[in-house]
């Protein structure tokens, strides 16, 4: 109804940390210990695009390391405890 009346309607619920769906996919794979090259192959994107996503993820989460990003993923239910790799 709101949409029909011209009001703004939020179609997608917000993700943890303000991450996009693709950034969450990258974060989960990265937290599981996959390399940027492996993530790129898995998601059919370039390694450079993975790097760009990781830069955005680190900035949005305010972290500087893979471990801190993985901890964020665990705390927000994106991966299970013990699923992350060093």
PDB file of N, CA and C in Angstrom:
ATOM      1  N   UNK A   1       0.811  -1.186   0.000  1.00  0.00           N
ATOM      2  CA  UNK A   1       0.000   0.000   0.000  1.00  0.00           C
ATOM      3  C   UNK A   1       0.857   1.254   0.000  1.00  0.00           C
ATOM      4  N   UNK A   2       1.863   1.262   0.859  1.00  0.00           N
ATOM      5  CA  UNK A   2       2.713   2.444   0.930  1.00  0.00           C
ATOM      6  C   UNK A   2       3.378   2.729  -0.405  1.00  0.00           C
ATOM      7  N   UNK A   3       3.826   1.673  -1.067  1.00  0.00           N
ATOM      8  CA  UNK A   3       4.468   1.816  -2.363  1.00  0.00           C
ATOM      9  C   UNK A   3       3.497   2.431  -3.366  1.00  0.00           C
ATOM     10  N   UNK A   4       2.287   1.938  -3.384  1.00  0.00           N
ATOM     11  CA  UNK A   4       1.270   2.454  -4.305  1.00  0.00           C
ATOM     12  C   UNK A   4       0.937   3.909  -4.013  1.00  0.00           C
ATOM     13  N   UNK A   5       1.044   4.309  -2.757  1.00  0.00           N
ATOM     14  CA  UNK A   5       0.733   5.694  -2.377  1.00  0.00           C
ATOM     15  C   UNK A   5       1.917   6.633  -2.614  1.00  0.00           C
ATOM     16  N   UNK A   6       3.020   6.088  -3.137  1.00  0.00           N
ATOM     17  CA  UNK A   6       4.161   6.920  -3.444  1.00  0.00           C
ATOM     18  C   UNK A   6       5.159   7.083  -2.311  1.00  0.00           C
ATOM     19  N   UNK A   7       4.967   6.325  -1.235  1.00  0.00           N
ATOM     20  CA  UNK A   7       5.903   6.389  -0.119  1.00  0.00           C
ATOM     21  C   UNK A   7       7.085   5.457  -0.367  1.00  0.00           C
ATOM     22  N   UNK A   8       8.184   5.818   0.211  1.00  0.00           N
ATOM     23  CA  UNK A   8       9.365   4.977   0.091  1.00  0.00           C
ATOM     24  C   UNK A   8       9.178   3.713   0.918  1.00  0.00           C
ATOM     25  N   UNK A   9       9.433   2.569   0.308  1.00  0.00           N
ATOM     26  CA  UNK A   9       9.298   1.296   0.998  1.00  0.00           C
ATOM     27  C   UNK A   9      10.642   0.590   0.952  1.00  0.00           C
ATOM     28  N   UNK A  10      11.114   0.163   2.101  1.00  0.00           N
ATOM     29  CA  UNK A  10      12.373  -0.566   2.173  1.00  0.00           C
ATOM     30  C   UNK A  10      12.111  -2.002   1.755  1.00  0.00           C
ATOM     31  N   UNK A  11      12.666  -2.391   0.638  1.00  0.00           N
ATOM     32  CA  UNK A  11      12.395  -3.718   0.085  1.00  0.00           C
ATOM     33  C   UNK A  11      13.276  -4.810   0.679  1.00  0.00           C
ATOM     34  N   UNK A  12      14.484  -4.457   1.067  1.00  0.00           N
ATOM     35  CA  UNK A  12      15.402  -5.450   1.614  1.00  0.00           C
ATOM     36  C   UNK A  12      15.789  -5.038   3.023  1.00  0.00           C
ATOM     37  N   UNK A  13      15.669  -5.960   3.958  1.00  0.00           N
ATOM     38  CA  UNK A  13      16.100  -5.612   5.317  1.00  0.00           C
ATOM     39  C   UNK A  13      17.595  -5.349   5.327  1.00  0.00           C
ATOM     40  N   UNK A  14      18.042  -4.488   6.213  1.00  0.00           N
ATOM     41  CA  UNK A  14      19.461  -4.166   6.293  1.00  0.00           C
ATOM     42  C   UNK A  14      20.275  -5.349   6.780  1.00  0.00           C
ATOM     43  N   UNK A  15      21.470  -5.454   6.258  1.00  0.00           N
ATOM     44  CA  UNK A  15      22.375  -6.518   6.682  1.00  0.00           C
ATOM     45  C   UNK A  15      23.280  -5.993   7.784  1.00  0.00           C
ATOM     46  N   UNK A  16      23.838  -6.882   8.537  1.00  0.00           N
ATOM     47  CA  UNK A  16      24.760  -6.525   9.617  1.00  0.00           C
ATOM     48  C   UNK A  16      25.879  -5.651   9.072  1.00  0.00           C
ATOM     49  N   UNK A  17      26.175  -4.592   9.794  1.00  0.00           N
ATOM     50  CA  UNK A  17      27.273  -3.710   9.424  1.00  0.00           C
ATOM     51  C   UNK A  17      27.025  -2.879   8.182  1.00  0.00           C
ATOM     52  N   UNK A  18      25.812  -2.914   7.660  1.00  0.00           N
ATOM     53  CA  UNK A  18      25.520  -2.167   6.438  1.00  0.00           C
ATOM     54  C   UNK A  18      26.095  -2.810   5.185  1.00  0.00           C
ATOM     55  N   UNK A  19      26.452  -4.091   5.289  1.00  0.00           N
ATOM     56  CA  UNK A  19      27.040  -4.793   4.151  1.00  0.00           C
ATOM     57  C   UNK A  19      25.979  -5.150   3.119  1.00  0.00           C
ATOM     58  N   UNK A  20      26.399  -5.193   1.858  1.00  0.00           N
ATOM     59  CA  UNK A  20      25.511  -5.643   0.792  1.00  0.00           C
ATOM     60  C   UNK A  20      25.470  -7.171   0.804  1.00  0.00           C
ATOM     61  N   UNK A  21      24.541  -7.733   0.073  1.00  0.00           N
ATOM     62  CA  UNK A  21      24.443  -9.187  -0.021  1.00  0.00           C
ATOM     63  C   UNK A  21      25.738  -9.771  -0.578  1.00  0.00           C
ATOM     64  N   UNK A  22      26.296  -9.149  -1.612  1.00  0.00           N
ATOM     65  CA  UNK A  22      27.546  -9.643  -2.212  1.00  0.00           C
ATOM     66  C   UNK A  22      28.707  -9.522  -1.221  1.00  0.00           C
ATOM     67  N   UNK A  23      28.755  -8.436  -0.468  1.00  0.00           N
ATOM     68  CA  UNK A  23      29.816  -8.280   0.522  1.00  0.00           C
ATOM     69  C   UNK A  23      29.725  -9.359   1.593  1.00  0.00           C
ATOM     70  N   UNK A  24      28.525  -9.732   1.969  1.00  0.00           N
ATOM     71  CA  UNK A  24      28.355 -10.810   2.948  1.00  0.00           C
ATOM     72  C   UNK A  24      28.847 -12.130   2.362  1.00  0.00           C
ATOM     73  N   UNK A  25      28.529 -12.388   1.088  1.00  0.00           N
ATOM     74  CA  UNK A  25      29.020 -13.610   0.444  1.00  0.00           C
ATOM     75  C   UNK A  25      30.547 -13.653   0.463  1.00  0.00           C
ATOM     76  N   UNK A  26      31.176 -12.529   0.123  1.00  0.00           N
ATOM     77  CA  UNK A  26      32.633 -12.451   0.113  1.00  0.00           C
ATOM     78  C   UNK A  26      33.178 -12.627   1.528  1.00  0.00           C
ATOM     79  N   UNK A  27      32.575 -11.950   2.491  1.00  0.00           N
ATOM     80  CA  UNK A  27      33.026 -12.038   3.885  1.00  0.00           C
ATOM     81  C   UNK A  27      32.958 -13.465   4.404  1.00  0.00           C
ATOM     82  N   UNK A  28      31.880 -14.164   4.129  1.00  0.00           N
ATOM     83  CA  UNK A  28      31.725 -15.543   4.605  1.00  0.00           C
ATOM     84  C   UNK A  28      32.826 -16.432   4.025  1.00  0.00           C
ATOM     85  N   UNK A  29      33.063 -16.331   2.727  1.00  0.00           N
ATOM     86  CA  UNK A  29      34.090 -17.164   2.101  1.00  0.00           C
ATOM     87  C   UNK A  29      35.484 -16.788   2.601  1.00  0.00           C
ATOM     88  N   UNK A  30      35.729 -15.500   2.752  1.00  0.00           N
ATOM     89  CA  UNK A  30      37.014 -15.015   3.255  1.00  0.00           C
ATOM     90  C   UNK A  30      37.235 -15.482   4.689  1.00  0.00           C
ATOM     91  N   UNK A  31      36.175 -15.446   5.489  1.00  0.00           N
ATOM     92  CA  UNK A  31      36.257 -15.884   6.888  1.00  0.00           C
ATOM     93  C   UNK A  31      36.508 -17.375   7.004  1.00  0.00           C
ATOM     94  N   UNK A  32      36.096 -18.115   5.998  1.00  0.00           N
ATOM     95  CA  UNK A  32      36.326 -19.570   5.985  1.00  0.00           C
ATOM     96  C   UNK A  32      37.740 -19.917   5.546  1.00  0.00           C
ATOM     97  N   UNK A  33      38.545 -18.891   5.238  1.00  0.00           N
ATOM     98  CA  UNK A  33      39.945 -19.125   4.902  1.00  0.00           C
ATOM     99  C   UNK A  33      40.251 -19.187   3.420  1.00  0.00           C
ATOM    100  N   UNK A  34      39.264 -18.917   2.575  1.00  0.00           N
ATOM    101  CA  UNK A  34      39.517 -18.946   1.138  1.00  0.00           C
ATOM    102  C   UNK A  34      40.363 -17.735   0.730  1.00  0.00           C
ATOM    103  N   UNK A  35      41.210 -17.938  -0.265  1.00  0.00           N
ATOM    104  CA  UNK A  35      42.004 -16.829  -0.795  1.00  0.00           C
ATOM    105  C   UNK A  35      41.107 -15.963  -1.691  1.00  0.00           C
ATOM    106  N   UNK A  36      41.587 -14.770  -1.981  1.00  0.00           N
ATOM    107  CA  UNK A  36      40.827 -13.883  -2.868  1.00  0.00           C
ATOM    108  C   UNK A  36      40.635 -14.519  -4.241  1.00  0.00           C
ATOM    109  N   UNK A  37      41.649 -15.220  -4.704  1.00  0.00           N
ATOM    110  CA  UNK A  37      41.556 -15.898  -6.004  1.00  0.00           C
ATOM    111  C   UNK A  37      40.486 -16.999  -5.961  1.00  0.00           C
ATOM    112  N   UNK A  38      40.460 -17.777  -4.868  1.00  0.00           N
ATOM    113  CA  UNK A  38      39.453 -18.832  -4.726  1.00  0.00           C
ATOM    114  C   UNK A  38      38.044 -18.250  -4.653  1.00  0.00           C
ATOM    115  N   UNK A  39      37.906 -17.140  -3.922  1.00  0.00           N
ATOM    116  CA  UNK A  39      36.601 -16.483  -3.812  1.00  0.00           C
ATOM    117  C   UNK A  39      36.151 -16.012  -5.184  1.00  0.00           C
ATOM    118  N   UNK A  40      37.072 -15.420  -5.930  1.00  0.00           N
ATOM    119  CA  UNK A  40      36.759 -14.926  -7.268  1.00  0.00           C
ATOM    120  C   UNK A  40      36.251 -16.060  -8.159  1.00  0.00           C
ATOM    121  N   UNK A  41      36.923 -17.195  -8.112  1.00  0.00           N
ATOM    122  CA  UNK A  41      36.498 -18.343  -8.910  1.00  0.00           C
ATOM    123  C   UNK A  41      35.139 -18.860  -8.462  1.00  0.00           C
ATOM    124  N   UNK A  42      34.934 -18.930  -7.159  1.00  0.00           N
ATOM    125  CA  UNK A  42      33.674 -19.440  -6.612  1.00  0.00           C
ATOM    126  C   UNK A  42      32.488 -18.546  -6.976  1.00  0.00           C
ATOM    127  N   UNK A  43      32.699 -17.229  -6.952  1.00  0.00           N
ATOM    128  CA  UNK A  43      31.611 -16.281  -7.223  1.00  0.00           C
ATOM    129  C   UNK A  43      31.586 -15.798  -8.670  1.00  0.00           C
ATOM    130  N   UNK A  44      32.503 -16.289  -9.477  1.00  0.00           N
ATOM    131  CA  UNK A  44      32.623 -15.903 -10.883  1.00  0.00           C
ATOM    132  C   UNK A  44      32.776 -14.394 -11.041  1.00  0.00           C
ATOM    133  N   UNK A  45      33.727 -13.850 -10.299  1.00  0.00           N
ATOM    134  CA  UNK A  45      34.090 -12.441 -10.403  1.00  0.00           C
ATOM    135  C   UNK A  45      35.615 -12.377 -10.427  1.00  0.00           C
ATOM    136  N   UNK A  46      36.165 -11.208 -10.704  1.00  0.00           N
ATOM    137  CA  UNK A  46      37.619 -11.089 -10.747  1.00  0.00           C
ATOM    138  C   UNK A  46      38.199 -10.954  -9.337  1.00  0.00           C
ATOM    139  N   UNK A  47      39.473 -11.314  -9.211  1.00  0.00           N
ATOM    140  CA  UNK A  47      40.159 -11.170  -7.926  1.00  0.00           C
ATOM    141  C   UNK A  47      40.228  -9.699  -7.528  1.00  0.00           C
ATOM    142  N   UNK A  48      40.330  -8.824  -8.507  1.00  0.00           N
ATOM    143  CA  UNK A  48      40.362  -7.389  -8.224  1.00  0.00           C
ATOM    144  C   UNK A  48      39.024  -6.926  -7.627  1.00  0.00           C
ATOM    145  N   UNK A  49      37.929  -7.493  -8.102  1.00  0.00           N
ATOM    146  CA  UNK A  49      36.614  -7.164  -7.550  1.00  0.00           C
ATOM    147  C   UNK A  49      36.503  -7.671  -6.122  1.00  0.00           C
ATOM    148  N   UNK A  50      37.040  -8.849  -5.848  1.00  0.00           N
ATOM    149  CA  UNK A  50      37.055  -9.375  -4.481  1.00  0.00           C
ATOM    150  C   UNK A  50      37.831  -8.422  -3.577  1.00  0.00           C
ATOM    151  N   UNK A  51      38.979  -7.948  -4.053  1.00  0.00           N
ATOM    152  CA  UNK A  51      39.782  -6.998  -3.270  1.00  0.00           C
ATOM    153  C   UNK A  51      38.995  -5.731  -2.971  1.00  0.00           C
ATOM    154  N   UNK A  52      38.265  -5.239  -3.960  1.00  0.00           N
ATOM    155  CA  UNK A  52      37.452  -4.032  -3.756  1.00  0.00           C
ATOM    156  C   UNK A  52      36.371  -4.294  -2.713  1.00  0.00           C
ATOM    157  N   UNK A  53      35.729  -5.455  -2.793  1.00  0.00           N
ATOM    158  CA  UNK A  53      34.706  -5.813  -1.804  1.00  0.00           C
ATOM    159  C   UNK A  53      35.328  -5.882  -0.406  1.00  0.00           C
ATOM    160  N   UNK A  54      36.508  -6.489  -0.292  1.00  0.00           N
ATOM    161  CA  UNK A  54      37.146  -6.607   1.010  1.00  0.00           C
ATOM    162  C   UNK A  54      37.510  -5.236   1.569  1.00  0.00           C
ATOM    163  N   UNK A  55      37.961  -4.325   0.722  1.00  0.00           N
ATOM    164  CA  UNK A  55      38.257  -2.959   1.186  1.00  0.00           C
ATOM    165  C   UNK A  55      36.998  -2.310   1.755  1.00  0.00           C
ATOM    166  N   UNK A  56      35.875  -2.467   1.037  1.00  0.00           N
ATOM    167  CA  UNK A  56      34.608  -1.900   1.511  1.00  0.00           C
ATOM    168  C   UNK A  56      34.166  -2.554   2.815  1.00  0.00           C
ATOM    169  N   UNK A  57      34.323  -3.859   2.902  1.00  0.00           N
ATOM    170  CA  UNK A  57      33.938  -4.594   4.112  1.00  0.00           C
ATOM    171  C   UNK A  57      34.753  -4.106   5.303  1.00  0.00           C
ATOM    172  N   UNK A  58      36.061  -4.040   5.139  1.00  0.00           N
ATOM    173  CA  UNK A  58      36.926  -3.581   6.228  1.00  0.00           C
ATOM    174  C   UNK A  58      36.536  -2.174   6.670  1.00  0.00           C
ATOM    175  N   UNK A  59      36.276  -1.303   5.709  1.00  0.00           N
ATOM    176  CA  UNK A  59      35.893   0.080   6.033  1.00  0.00           C
ATOM    177  C   UNK A  59      34.563   0.118   6.775  1.00  0.00           C
ATOM    178  N   UNK A  60      33.571  -0.592   6.259  1.00  0.00           N
ATOM    179  CA  UNK A  60      32.245  -0.584   6.880  1.00  0.00           C
ATOM    180  C   UNK A  60      32.271  -1.171   8.290  1.00  0.00           C
ATOM    181  N   UNK A  61      33.081  -2.195   8.488  1.00  0.00           N
ATOM    182  CA  UNK A  61      33.130  -2.857   9.790  1.00  0.00           C
ATOM    183  C   UNK A  61      34.121  -2.207  10.743  1.00  0.00           C
ATOM    184  N   UNK A  62      34.991  -1.359  10.205  1.00  0.00           N
ATOM    185  CA  UNK A  62      35.994  -0.715  11.032  1.00  0.00           C
ATOM    186  C   UNK A  62      37.051  -1.684  11.540  1.00  0.00           C
ATOM    187  N   UNK A  63      37.410  -2.646  10.690  1.00  0.00           N
ATOM    188  CA  UNK A  63      38.409  -3.646  11.057  1.00  0.00           C
ATOM    189  C   UNK A  63      39.609  -3.545  10.122  1.00  0.00           C
ATOM    190  N   UNK A  64      40.701  -4.214  10.526  1.00  0.00           N
ATOM    191  CA  UNK A  64      41.930  -4.162   9.725  1.00  0.00           C
ATOM    192  C   UNK A  64      42.498  -5.538   9.388  1.00  0.00           C
ATOM    193  N   UNK A  65      41.829  -6.601   9.830  1.00  0.00           N
ATOM    194  CA  UNK A  65      42.398  -7.928   9.603  1.00  0.00           C
ATOM    195  C   UNK A  65      41.329  -8.961   9.284  1.00  0.00           C
ATOM    196  N   UNK A  66      41.787 -10.063   8.703  1.00  0.00           N
ATOM    197  CA  UNK A  66      40.901 -11.187   8.399  1.00  0.00           C
ATOM    198  C   UNK A  66      40.272 -11.717   9.684  1.00  0.00           C
ATOM    199  N   UNK A  67      41.067 -11.816  10.736  1.00  0.00           N
ATOM    200  CA  UNK A  67      40.564 -12.328  12.004  1.00  0.00           C
ATOM    201  C   UNK A  67      39.440 -11.470  12.567  1.00  0.00           C
ATOM    202  N   UNK A  68      39.612 -10.162  12.521  1.00  0.00           N
ATOM    203  CA  UNK A  68      38.578  -9.257  13.028  1.00  0.00           C
ATOM    204  C   UNK A  68      37.311  -9.353  12.178  1.00  0.00           C
ATOM    205  N   UNK A  69      37.485  -9.492  10.871  1.00  0.00           N
ATOM    206  CA  UNK A  69      36.328  -9.633   9.980  1.00  0.00           C
ATOM    207  C   UNK A  69      35.611 -10.955  10.259  1.00  0.00           C
ATOM    208  N   UNK A  70      36.380 -12.027  10.480  1.00  0.00           N
ATOM    209  CA  UNK A  70      35.789 -13.330  10.789  1.00  0.00           C
ATOM    210  C   UNK A  70      35.052 -13.290  12.121  1.00  0.00           C
ATOM    211  N   UNK A  71      35.615 -12.592  13.099  1.00  0.00           N
ATOM    212  CA  UNK A  71      34.956 -12.450  14.393  1.00  0.00           C
ATOM    213  C   UNK A  71      33.623 -11.732  14.240  1.00  0.00           C
ATOM    214  N   UNK A  72      33.589 -10.681  13.425  1.00  0.00           N
ATOM    215  CA  UNK A  72      32.341  -9.974  13.141  1.00  0.00           C
ATOM    216  C   UNK A  72      31.330 -10.950  12.525  1.00  0.00           C
ATOM    217  N   UNK A  73      31.780 -11.738  11.555  1.00  0.00           N
ATOM    218  CA  UNK A  73      30.891 -12.703  10.885  1.00  0.00           C
ATOM    219  C   UNK A  73      30.323 -13.707  11.881  1.00  0.00           C
ATOM    220  N   UNK A  74      31.157 -14.185  12.803  1.00  0.00           N
ATOM    221  CA  UNK A  74      30.686 -15.144  13.809  1.00  0.00           C
ATOM    222  C   UNK A  74      29.688 -14.495  14.755  1.00  0.00           C
ATOM    223  N   UNK A  75      30.011 -13.299  15.220  1.00  0.00           N
ATOM    224  CA  UNK A  75      29.133 -12.603  16.164  1.00  0.00           C
ATOM    225  C   UNK A  75      27.773 -12.274  15.572  1.00  0.00           C
ATOM    226  N   UNK A  76      27.705 -12.153  14.265  1.00  0.00           N
ATOM    227  CA  UNK A  76      26.446 -11.796  13.612  1.00  0.00           C
ATOM    228  C   UNK A  76      25.779 -12.977  12.921  1.00  0.00           C
ATOM    229  N   UNK A  77      26.232 -14.195  13.252  1.00  0.00           N
ATOM    230  CA  UNK A  77      25.576 -15.399  12.756  1.00  0.00           C
ATOM    231  C   UNK A  77      25.776 -15.683  11.278  1.00  0.00           C
ATOM    232  N   UNK A  78      26.805 -15.083  10.674  1.00  0.00           N
ATOM    233  CA  UNK A  78      27.055 -15.311   9.264  1.00  0.00           C
ATOM    234  C   UNK A  78      27.821 -16.606   9.039  1.00  0.00           C
ATOM    235  N   UNK A  79      28.627 -16.987  10.019  1.00  0.00           N
ATOM    236  CA  UNK A  79      29.333 -18.281  10.001  1.00  0.00           C
ATOM    237  C   UNK A  79      29.274 -18.851  11.408  1.00  0.00           C
ATOM    238  N   UNK A  80      29.418 -20.152  11.508  1.00  0.00           N
ATOM    239  CA  UNK A  80      29.386 -20.814  12.815  1.00  0.00           C
ATOM    240  C   UNK A  80      30.739 -20.719  13.477  1.00  0.00           C
ATOM    241  N   UNK A  81      30.745 -20.708  14.791  1.00  0.00           N
ATOM    242  CA  UNK A  81      31.993 -20.726  15.547  1.00  0.00           C
ATOM    243  C   UNK A  81      32.738 -21.987  15.152  1.00  0.00           C
ATOM    244  N   UNK A  82      34.022 -21.860  14.878  1.00  0.00           N
ATOM    245  CA  UNK A  82      34.815 -23.002  14.450  1.00  0.00           C
ATOM    246  C   UNK A  82      34.850 -23.163  12.949  1.00  0.00           C
ATOM    247  N   UNK A  83      34.005 -22.425  12.245  1.00  0.00           N
ATOM    248  CA  UNK A  83      33.963 -22.498  10.793  1.00  0.00           C
ATOM    249  C   UNK A  83      35.047 -21.613  10.180  1.00  0.00           C
ATOM    250  N   UNK A  84      35.443 -20.578  10.893  1.00  0.00           N
ATOM    251  CA  UNK A  84      36.466 -19.663  10.386  1.00  0.00           C
ATOM    252  C   UNK A  84      37.824 -20.328  10.476  1.00  0.00           C
ATOM    253  N   UNK A  85      38.684 -19.962   9.562  1.00  0.00           N
ATOM    254  CA  UNK A  85      40.031 -20.508   9.523  1.00  0.00           C
ATOM    255  C   UNK A  85      41.039 -19.380   9.593  1.00  0.00           C
ATOM    256  N   UNK A  86      42.236 -19.660  10.112  1.00  0.00           N
ATOM    257  CA  UNK A  86      43.278 -18.619  10.188  1.00  0.00           C
ATOM    258  C   UNK A  86      43.928 -18.479   8.835  1.00  0.00           C
TER     259      UNK A  86
END
